[in-house]
Protein backbone atom coordinates (compact mmCIF):
# COMPACT_ATOMS: atom_id res chain seq x y z
CA UNK A 1 1.74 -3.17 10.94
CA UNK A 2 -1.77 -3.10 11.12
CA UNK A 3 -2.39 -3.28 15.22
CA UNK A 4 0.48 -0.27 15.46
CA UNK A 5 -0.80 2.73 16.82
CA UNK A 6 -2.33 4.28 13.96
CA UNK A 7 -0.81 7.48 14.71
CA UNK A 8 2.50 6.71 15.00
CA UNK A 9 2.51 5.02 11.49
CA UNK A 10 1.36 8.76 10.35
CA UNK A 11 4.31 10.38 11.71
CA UNK A 12 6.41 7.96 10.85
CA UNK A 13 5.74 8.17 7.33
CA UNK A 14 5.53 4.46 6.81
CA UNK A 15 1.45 4.26 6.02
CA UNK A 16 2.31 6.93 3.30
CA UNK A 17 4.66 4.33 2.17
CA UNK A 18 3.16 1.32 1.68
CA UNK A 19 0.09 3.12 0.65
CA UNK A 20 2.87 4.51 -2.60
CA UNK A 21 3.87 1.12 -3.12
CA UNK A 22 0.36 -0.22 -3.46
CA UNK A 23 -1.49 2.76 -5.42
CA UNK A 24 1.74 2.68 -7.56
CA UNK A 25 1.08 -1.33 -7.91
CA UNK A 26 -2.68 -0.63 -9.02
CA UNK A 27 -1.31 2.43 -11.20
CA UNK A 28 1.25 0.28 -13.55
CA UNK A 29 -1.58 -3.03 -13.53
CA UNK A 30 -4.70 -1.17 -14.81
CA UNK A 31 -2.26 1.07 -17.53
CA UNK A 32 -1.15 -3.13 -18.82
CA UNK A 33 -4.80 -3.64 -18.61
CA UNK A 34 -5.41 -0.17 -20.86
CA UNK A 35 -8.09 0.89 -18.18
CA UNK A 36 -8.46 4.54 -17.55
CA UNK A 37 -6.60 5.28 -13.86
CA UNK A 38 -6.29 8.08 -11.68
CA UNK A 39 -5.33 8.07 -7.93
CA UNK A 40 -9.55 8.42 -7.43
CA UNK A 41 -10.02 5.23 -8.79
CA UNK A 42 -7.12 3.69 -6.77
CA UNK A 43 -8.82 4.77 -3.46
CA UNK A 44 -12.16 4.09 -4.16
CA UNK A 45 -11.24 0.78 -5.61
CA UNK A 46 -9.00 0.22 -2.09
CA UNK A 47 -12.06 1.29 -0.29
CA UNK A 48 -9.67 4.50 1.79
CA UNK A 49 -13.29 5.82 3.58
CA UNK A 50 -13.31 2.58 5.39
CA UNK A 51 -11.40 3.61 9.47
CA UNK A 52 -8.92 0.92 9.34
CA UNK A 53 -6.27 1.98 5.95
CA UNK A 54 -3.72 -0.37 7.32
CA UNK A 55 -6.18 -3.36 7.32
CA UNK A 56 -7.43 -2.09 3.04
CA UNK A 57 -3.57 -1.46 2.82
CA UNK A 58 -3.35 -5.41 3.12
CA UNK A 59 -6.41 -6.43 1.25
CA UNK A 60 -5.36 -4.46 -1.33
CA UNK A 61 -2.28 -5.84 -1.96
CA UNK A 62 -3.42 -9.57 -1.97
CA UNK A 63 -5.92 -8.10 -4.62
CA UNK A 64 -3.46 -7.12 -6.35
CA UNK A 65 -1.46 -9.72 -6.01
CA UNK A 66 -4.02 -12.09 -7.35
CA UNK A 67 -4.82 -10.36 -10.70
CA UNK A 68 -0.90 -11.15 -11.52
CA UNK A 69 0.32 -6.99 -10.42
CA UNK A 70 3.61 -6.58 -9.45
CA UNK A 71 5.16 -4.17 -6.78
CA UNK A 72 8.74 -2.12 -7.07
CA UNK A 73 11.06 -4.00 -4.92
CA UNK A 74 13.15 -1.13 -4.03
CA UNK A 75 10.26 0.62 -2.50
CA UNK A 76 9.52 -2.68 -0.77
CA UNK A 77 12.50 -3.13 0.68
CA UNK A 78 13.17 0.49 1.88
CA UNK A 79 9.64 0.19 3.54
CA UNK A 80 11.00 -3.24 5.01
CA UNK A 81 14.15 -1.27 6.64
CA UNK A 82 12.06 1.54 7.93
CA UNK A 83 9.61 -0.99 9.47
CA UNK A 84 12.34 -2.64 10.88
CA UNK A 85 14.06 0.28 12.12
CA UNK A 86 10.76 0.89 13.89
CA UNK A 87 10.27 -2.34 15.57
CA UNK A 88 7.44 -3.18 13.53
CA UNK A 89 9.71 -6.39 11.72
CA UNK A 90 11.43 -8.03 14.69
């Protein structure tokens, strides 16, 4: 996804879909650790002001996995199916 046209990722809804999966995993991890959480905490943690949001999501996914976070399997499958339809996983 990182090499795809950014506007296409936005227009297709795929970027938002992946973003929601990562942010939800972050929320669940913080809740399990009994830490205060809000969407702004997640976006600061992702360093989302960076001009490469796909790279930020990839990095965030890696860091969450290293901390033992889980991702909603259905949401991931849905995002992968959408990505495949749009030619990202071919």
